[in-house]
Amino acid sequence: MYLNTIKVAKCCFVPALLRHAIDDDFIRPHHSNHIFETYMGDKNIIKFEGDHNSPRPQFYFDSINIFFHNVLQPPEDEVGGSFFDLVNDYFGKGACRSLNGVGYDESTPAEHKDSKPCGC
């Protein structure tokens, strides 16, 4: 079965988190880069040192946690206060703003409404 991930990425609007080890020689990093570039929904990409089976650094797990928190937006009373207050208490004040340069694409699917149809 052949899956054209680039064609499908042009039709996707569910928030996505892509991640890739820089020295991965099993699945080359350019695959994630191409998907990220064409993905139409909210997205983020995490790149980290290592290869396909290397242990993941702590910022990788922190970035995943932040991504899910931003996407799922749990009520503050469910997480016992602000998530970022808890992270700041752990890492130090202001640490979240520069957490290893991980950022989020703030665009919404509505901003892509003038895009050409992808033919999915």
N, C-alpha and C. Protein backbone atom coordinates (compact mmCIF):
# COMPACT_ATOMS: atom_id res chain seq x y z
N MET A 1 0.84 -1.17 0.00
CA MET A 1 0.00 0.00 0.00
C MET A 1 0.89 1.24 0.00
N TYR A 2 0.57 2.18 -0.86
CA TYR A 2 1.34 3.41 -0.97
C TYR A 2 0.51 4.56 -0.40
N LEU A 3 1.10 5.33 0.48
CA LEU A 3 0.44 6.49 1.06
C LEU A 3 1.23 7.73 0.69
N ASN A 4 0.60 8.64 -0.01
CA ASN A 4 1.22 9.90 -0.37
C ASN A 4 0.99 10.89 0.76
N THR A 5 1.92 10.95 1.70
CA THR A 5 1.74 11.78 2.90
C THR A 5 1.67 13.27 2.57
N ILE A 6 2.34 13.70 1.54
CA ILE A 6 2.31 15.12 1.16
C ILE A 6 0.92 15.49 0.67
N LYS A 7 0.31 14.65 -0.16
CA LYS A 7 -1.04 14.92 -0.65
C LYS A 7 -2.05 14.94 0.51
N VAL A 8 -1.92 13.99 1.41
CA VAL A 8 -2.83 13.90 2.54
C VAL A 8 -2.62 15.08 3.50
N ALA A 9 -1.36 15.49 3.71
CA ALA A 9 -1.06 16.60 4.62
C ALA A 9 -1.73 17.90 4.17
N LYS A 10 -1.92 18.05 2.87
CA LYS A 10 -2.57 19.26 2.35
C LYS A 10 -4.05 19.32 2.72
N CYS A 11 -4.60 18.21 3.16
CA CYS A 11 -6.02 18.13 3.50
C CYS A 11 -6.28 18.03 5.00
N CYS A 12 -5.25 18.01 5.79
CA CYS A 12 -5.40 17.77 7.24
C CYS A 12 -5.42 19.06 8.03
N PHE A 13 -6.36 19.11 8.99
CA PHE A 13 -6.47 20.29 9.84
C PHE A 13 -6.46 19.94 11.32
N VAL A 14 -6.30 18.68 11.67
CA VAL A 14 -6.20 18.27 13.06
C VAL A 14 -4.81 18.69 13.55
N PRO A 15 -4.69 19.29 14.74
CA PRO A 15 -3.36 19.69 15.22
C PRO A 15 -2.39 18.51 15.20
N ALA A 16 -1.18 18.77 14.74
CA ALA A 16 -0.19 17.70 14.58
C ALA A 16 1.14 18.10 15.22
N LEU A 17 1.77 17.12 15.82
CA LEU A 17 3.10 17.29 16.37
C LEU A 17 4.02 16.31 15.67
N LEU A 18 4.96 16.83 14.92
CA LEU A 18 5.95 16.00 14.23
C LEU A 18 7.24 16.07 15.03
N ARG A 19 8.00 15.00 15.01
CA ARG A 19 9.28 14.99 15.72
C ARG A 19 10.25 14.12 14.94
N HIS A 20 11.51 14.52 15.03
CA HIS A 20 12.50 13.78 14.27
C HIS A 20 13.89 13.96 14.86
N ALA A 21 14.63 12.85 14.92
CA ALA A 21 16.03 12.89 15.33
C ALA A 21 16.86 13.37 14.14
N ILE A 22 17.74 14.28 14.38
CA ILE A 22 18.52 14.91 13.32
C ILE A 22 19.37 13.90 12.55
N ASP A 23 19.92 12.91 13.23
CA ASP A 23 20.81 11.94 12.58
C ASP A 23 20.12 10.62 12.26
N ASP A 24 18.80 10.63 12.17
CA ASP A 24 18.04 9.41 11.86
C ASP A 24 18.38 8.97 10.45
N ASP A 25 18.92 7.78 10.30
CA ASP A 25 19.24 7.27 8.97
C ASP A 25 18.27 6.16 8.54
N PHE A 26 17.28 5.90 9.36
CA PHE A 26 16.24 4.92 9.01
C PHE A 26 15.09 5.63 8.30
N ILE A 27 14.59 6.70 8.90
CA ILE A 27 13.62 7.59 8.25
C ILE A 27 14.27 8.96 8.24
N ARG A 28 14.67 9.39 7.07
CA ARG A 28 15.45 10.62 6.95
C ARG A 28 14.63 11.85 7.37
N PRO A 29 15.27 12.83 8.01
CA PRO A 29 14.57 14.02 8.50
C PRO A 29 13.84 14.82 7.43
N HIS A 30 14.28 14.76 6.19
CA HIS A 30 13.59 15.54 5.16
C HIS A 30 12.13 15.10 4.98
N HIS A 31 11.81 13.86 5.35
CA HIS A 31 10.42 13.41 5.26
C HIS A 31 9.53 14.23 6.19
N SER A 32 9.96 14.39 7.43
CA SER A 32 9.20 15.21 8.38
C SER A 32 9.13 16.66 7.93
N ASN A 33 10.23 17.17 7.40
CA ASN A 33 10.25 18.56 6.93
C ASN A 33 9.24 18.79 5.83
N HIS A 34 9.15 17.87 4.87
CA HIS A 34 8.19 18.01 3.76
C HIS A 34 6.75 17.95 4.27
N ILE A 35 6.47 17.03 5.16
CA ILE A 35 5.12 16.94 5.72
C ILE A 35 4.79 18.21 6.49
N PHE A 36 5.72 18.69 7.31
CA PHE A 36 5.50 19.90 8.08
C PHE A 36 5.21 21.10 7.18
N GLU A 37 5.97 21.23 6.10
CA GLU A 37 5.79 22.36 5.19
C GLU A 37 4.42 22.36 4.52
N THR A 38 3.88 21.19 4.23
CA THR A 38 2.62 21.12 3.49
C THR A 38 1.40 20.95 4.39
N TYR A 39 1.61 20.61 5.65
CA TYR A 39 0.49 20.37 6.56
C TYR A 39 -0.32 21.65 6.74
N MET A 40 -1.63 21.56 6.58
CA MET A 40 -2.48 22.75 6.61
C MET A 40 -2.98 23.14 7.99
N GLY A 41 -3.03 22.22 8.92
CA GLY A 41 -3.56 22.51 10.25
C GLY A 41 -2.51 23.08 11.18
N ASP A 42 -2.92 23.31 12.43
CA ASP A 42 -1.97 23.74 13.46
C ASP A 42 -0.92 22.66 13.58
N LYS A 43 0.33 23.07 13.72
CA LYS A 43 1.41 22.09 13.69
C LYS A 43 2.60 22.60 14.47
N ASN A 44 3.43 21.67 14.84
CA ASN A 44 4.71 21.97 15.47
C ASN A 44 5.65 20.83 15.11
N ILE A 45 6.92 21.13 15.09
CA ILE A 45 7.91 20.10 14.82
C ILE A 45 9.01 20.19 15.88
N ILE A 46 9.41 19.05 16.36
CA ILE A 46 10.49 18.96 17.34
C ILE A 46 11.65 18.23 16.67
N LYS A 47 12.79 18.88 16.64
CA LYS A 47 14.01 18.25 16.12
C LYS A 47 14.99 18.13 17.27
N PHE A 48 15.63 16.99 17.36
CA PHE A 48 16.52 16.73 18.48
C PHE A 48 17.72 15.91 18.04
N GLU A 49 18.79 16.00 18.81
CA GLU A 49 20.02 15.25 18.53
C GLU A 49 19.75 13.75 18.67
N GLY A 50 20.47 12.97 17.89
CA GLY A 50 20.38 11.52 18.01
C GLY A 50 19.95 10.88 16.71
N ASP A 51 19.72 9.55 16.79
CA ASP A 51 19.27 8.80 15.62
C ASP A 51 17.91 8.18 15.91
N HIS A 52 17.52 7.24 15.08
CA HIS A 52 16.17 6.67 15.16
C HIS A 52 15.84 6.06 16.53
N ASN A 53 16.81 5.43 17.16
CA ASN A 53 16.57 4.74 18.43
C ASN A 53 17.25 5.39 19.63
N SER A 54 17.73 6.60 19.48
CA SER A 54 18.40 7.28 20.59
C SER A 54 17.41 7.65 21.68
N PRO A 55 17.88 7.70 22.93
CA PRO A 55 17.02 8.22 24.00
C PRO A 55 16.63 9.66 23.69
N ARG A 56 15.42 10.01 24.02
CA ARG A 56 14.92 11.36 23.74
C ARG A 56 15.32 12.30 24.89
N PRO A 57 15.73 13.54 24.54
CA PRO A 57 16.10 14.49 25.59
C PRO A 57 14.87 14.98 26.35
N GLN A 58 15.09 15.55 27.51
CA GLN A 58 13.98 16.01 28.35
C GLN A 58 13.13 17.06 27.64
N PHE A 59 13.75 17.98 26.87
CA PHE A 59 12.95 19.01 26.22
C PHE A 59 11.95 18.41 25.22
N TYR A 60 12.25 17.22 24.70
CA TYR A 60 11.33 16.52 23.80
C TYR A 60 10.02 16.22 24.54
N PHE A 61 10.13 15.65 25.73
CA PHE A 61 8.94 15.31 26.53
C PHE A 61 8.23 16.57 27.03
N ASP A 62 9.00 17.58 27.39
CA ASP A 62 8.40 18.85 27.83
C ASP A 62 7.62 19.49 26.68
N SER A 63 8.17 19.43 25.48
CA SER A 63 7.51 20.01 24.31
C SER A 63 6.22 19.27 23.99
N ILE A 64 6.23 17.96 24.12
CA ILE A 64 5.02 17.17 23.90
C ILE A 64 3.96 17.56 24.92
N ASN A 65 4.36 17.68 26.16
CA ASN A 65 3.44 18.06 27.23
C ASN A 65 2.81 19.42 26.95
N ILE A 66 3.62 20.40 26.56
CA ILE A 66 3.12 21.74 26.25
C ILE A 66 2.18 21.69 25.05
N PHE A 67 2.55 20.95 24.02
CA PHE A 67 1.70 20.84 22.83
C PHE A 67 0.32 20.29 23.19
N PHE A 68 0.30 19.18 23.93
CA PHE A 68 -0.99 18.59 24.31
C PHE A 68 -1.79 19.53 25.20
N HIS A 69 -1.12 20.21 26.09
CA HIS A 69 -1.83 21.16 26.96
C HIS A 69 -2.46 22.27 26.12
N ASN A 70 -1.72 22.80 25.15
CA ASN A 70 -2.25 23.86 24.29
C ASN A 70 -3.40 23.38 23.42
N VAL A 71 -3.30 22.17 22.91
CA VAL A 71 -4.34 21.63 22.03
C VAL A 71 -5.58 21.21 22.81
N LEU A 72 -5.40 20.51 23.92
CA LEU A 72 -6.53 19.99 24.68
C LEU A 72 -7.13 21.02 25.63
N GLN A 73 -6.36 22.00 26.04
CA GLN A 73 -6.80 23.08 26.91
C GLN A 73 -7.64 22.57 28.09
N PRO A 74 -7.02 21.79 28.97
CA PRO A 74 -7.79 21.29 30.13
C PRO A 74 -8.16 22.45 31.05
N PRO A 75 -9.31 22.36 31.70
CA PRO A 75 -9.70 23.41 32.66
C PRO A 75 -8.66 23.49 33.78
N GLU A 76 -8.40 24.72 34.25
CA GLU A 76 -7.38 24.89 35.28
C GLU A 76 -7.67 24.09 36.53
N ASP A 77 -8.96 23.97 36.89
CA ASP A 77 -9.27 23.22 38.11
C ASP A 77 -8.98 21.72 37.95
N GLU A 78 -8.89 21.23 36.70
CA GLU A 78 -8.59 19.82 36.46
C GLU A 78 -7.10 19.52 36.63
N VAL A 79 -6.26 20.53 36.38
CA VAL A 79 -4.82 20.32 36.50
C VAL A 79 -4.26 20.96 37.76
N GLY A 80 -5.12 21.48 38.60
CA GLY A 80 -4.67 22.03 39.88
C GLY A 80 -3.91 23.32 39.74
N GLY A 81 -4.42 24.26 38.97
CA GLY A 81 -3.76 25.54 38.75
C GLY A 81 -3.25 25.61 37.33
N SER A 82 -2.59 26.66 37.04
CA SER A 82 -2.08 26.85 35.69
C SER A 82 -0.92 25.90 35.42
N PHE A 83 -0.97 25.25 34.29
CA PHE A 83 0.10 24.33 33.88
C PHE A 83 1.44 25.06 33.86
N PHE A 84 1.43 26.28 33.32
CA PHE A 84 2.69 27.00 33.19
C PHE A 84 3.23 27.45 34.53
N ASP A 85 2.38 27.67 35.52
CA ASP A 85 2.86 27.95 36.86
C ASP A 85 3.62 26.74 37.39
N LEU A 86 3.07 25.55 37.16
CA LEU A 86 3.74 24.33 37.61
C LEU A 86 5.08 24.14 36.91
N VAL A 87 5.11 24.40 35.60
CA VAL A 87 6.36 24.25 34.84
C VAL A 87 7.37 25.29 35.30
N ASN A 88 6.91 26.54 35.52
CA ASN A 88 7.82 27.57 35.99
C ASN A 88 8.38 27.23 37.37
N ASP A 89 7.56 26.65 38.24
CA ASP A 89 8.04 26.23 39.55
C ASP A 89 9.13 25.17 39.41
N TYR A 90 8.99 24.31 38.41
CA TYR A 90 9.95 23.23 38.22
C TYR A 90 11.24 23.73 37.55
N PHE A 91 11.08 24.53 36.47
CA PHE A 91 12.23 24.95 35.68
C PHE A 91 12.78 26.32 36.06
N GLY A 92 11.98 27.13 36.72
CA GLY A 92 12.38 28.50 37.03
C GLY A 92 11.54 29.47 36.23
N LYS A 93 11.31 30.63 36.78
CA LYS A 93 10.45 31.64 36.15
C LYS A 93 10.95 31.99 34.75
N GLY A 94 10.02 32.07 33.79
CA GLY A 94 10.34 32.46 32.43
C GLY A 94 10.90 31.36 31.55
N ALA A 95 11.07 30.17 32.09
CA ALA A 95 11.69 29.09 31.31
C ALA A 95 10.82 28.66 30.13
N CYS A 96 9.51 28.76 30.26
CA CYS A 96 8.62 28.28 29.19
C CYS A 96 8.72 29.12 27.93
N ARG A 97 9.04 30.39 28.08
CA ARG A 97 9.08 31.25 26.90
C ARG A 97 10.18 30.84 25.94
N SER A 98 11.23 30.22 26.44
CA SER A 98 12.35 29.87 25.57
C SER A 98 12.69 28.39 25.67
N LEU A 99 11.71 27.57 25.89
CA LEU A 99 11.95 26.14 26.08
C LEU A 99 12.51 25.53 24.80
N ASN A 100 13.85 25.61 24.68
CA ASN A 100 14.59 25.03 23.55
C ASN A 100 14.09 25.51 22.20
N GLY A 101 13.61 26.71 22.12
CA GLY A 101 13.21 27.28 20.85
C GLY A 101 11.98 26.66 20.24
N VAL A 102 11.22 25.90 20.99
CA VAL A 102 10.03 25.27 20.44
C VAL A 102 8.93 26.30 20.36
N GLY A 103 8.34 26.46 19.19
CA GLY A 103 7.26 27.42 19.00
C GLY A 103 6.06 26.74 18.40
N TYR A 104 4.99 27.46 18.30
CA TYR A 104 3.76 26.90 17.77
C TYR A 104 3.23 27.78 16.67
N ASP A 105 2.71 27.15 15.63
CA ASP A 105 2.08 27.86 14.54
C ASP A 105 0.71 28.30 15.02
N GLU A 106 0.51 29.62 15.13
CA GLU A 106 -0.73 30.15 15.70
C GLU A 106 -1.85 30.23 14.66
N SER A 107 -1.58 29.93 13.40
CA SER A 107 -2.61 30.04 12.38
C SER A 107 -3.71 29.01 12.59
N THR A 108 -4.88 29.35 12.12
CA THR A 108 -6.03 28.46 12.26
C THR A 108 -6.46 27.98 10.88
N PRO A 109 -7.24 26.91 10.80
CA PRO A 109 -7.70 26.43 9.50
C PRO A 109 -8.45 27.51 8.72
N ALA A 110 -9.15 28.40 9.40
CA ALA A 110 -9.90 29.45 8.72
C ALA A 110 -8.97 30.36 7.91
N GLU A 111 -7.74 30.53 8.38
CA GLU A 111 -6.77 31.36 7.67
C GLU A 111 -6.32 30.71 6.38
N HIS A 112 -6.57 29.42 6.23
CA HIS A 112 -6.17 28.68 5.04
C HIS A 112 -7.33 28.47 4.08
N LYS A 113 -8.45 29.12 4.33
CA LYS A 113 -9.64 28.86 3.54
C LYS A 113 -9.49 29.22 2.07
N ASP A 114 -8.57 30.14 1.75
CA ASP A 114 -8.38 30.53 0.36
C ASP A 114 -7.38 29.63 -0.36
N SER A 115 -6.91 28.61 0.32
CA SER A 115 -5.97 27.67 -0.28
C SER A 115 -6.66 26.87 -1.38
N LYS A 116 -5.87 26.41 -2.33
CA LYS A 116 -6.41 25.58 -3.39
C LYS A 116 -6.86 24.24 -2.81
N PRO A 117 -7.93 23.68 -3.35
CA PRO A 117 -8.37 22.36 -2.87
C PRO A 117 -7.28 21.32 -3.13
N CYS A 118 -7.18 20.35 -2.27
CA CYS A 118 -6.11 19.37 -2.41
C CYS A 118 -6.54 18.14 -3.19
N GLY A 119 -7.80 17.98 -3.45
CA GLY A 119 -8.25 16.86 -4.24
C GLY A 119 -8.32 15.55 -3.49
N CYS A 120 -8.39 15.61 -2.16
CA CYS A 120 -8.49 14.37 -1.38
C CYS A 120 -9.86 13.76 -1.51
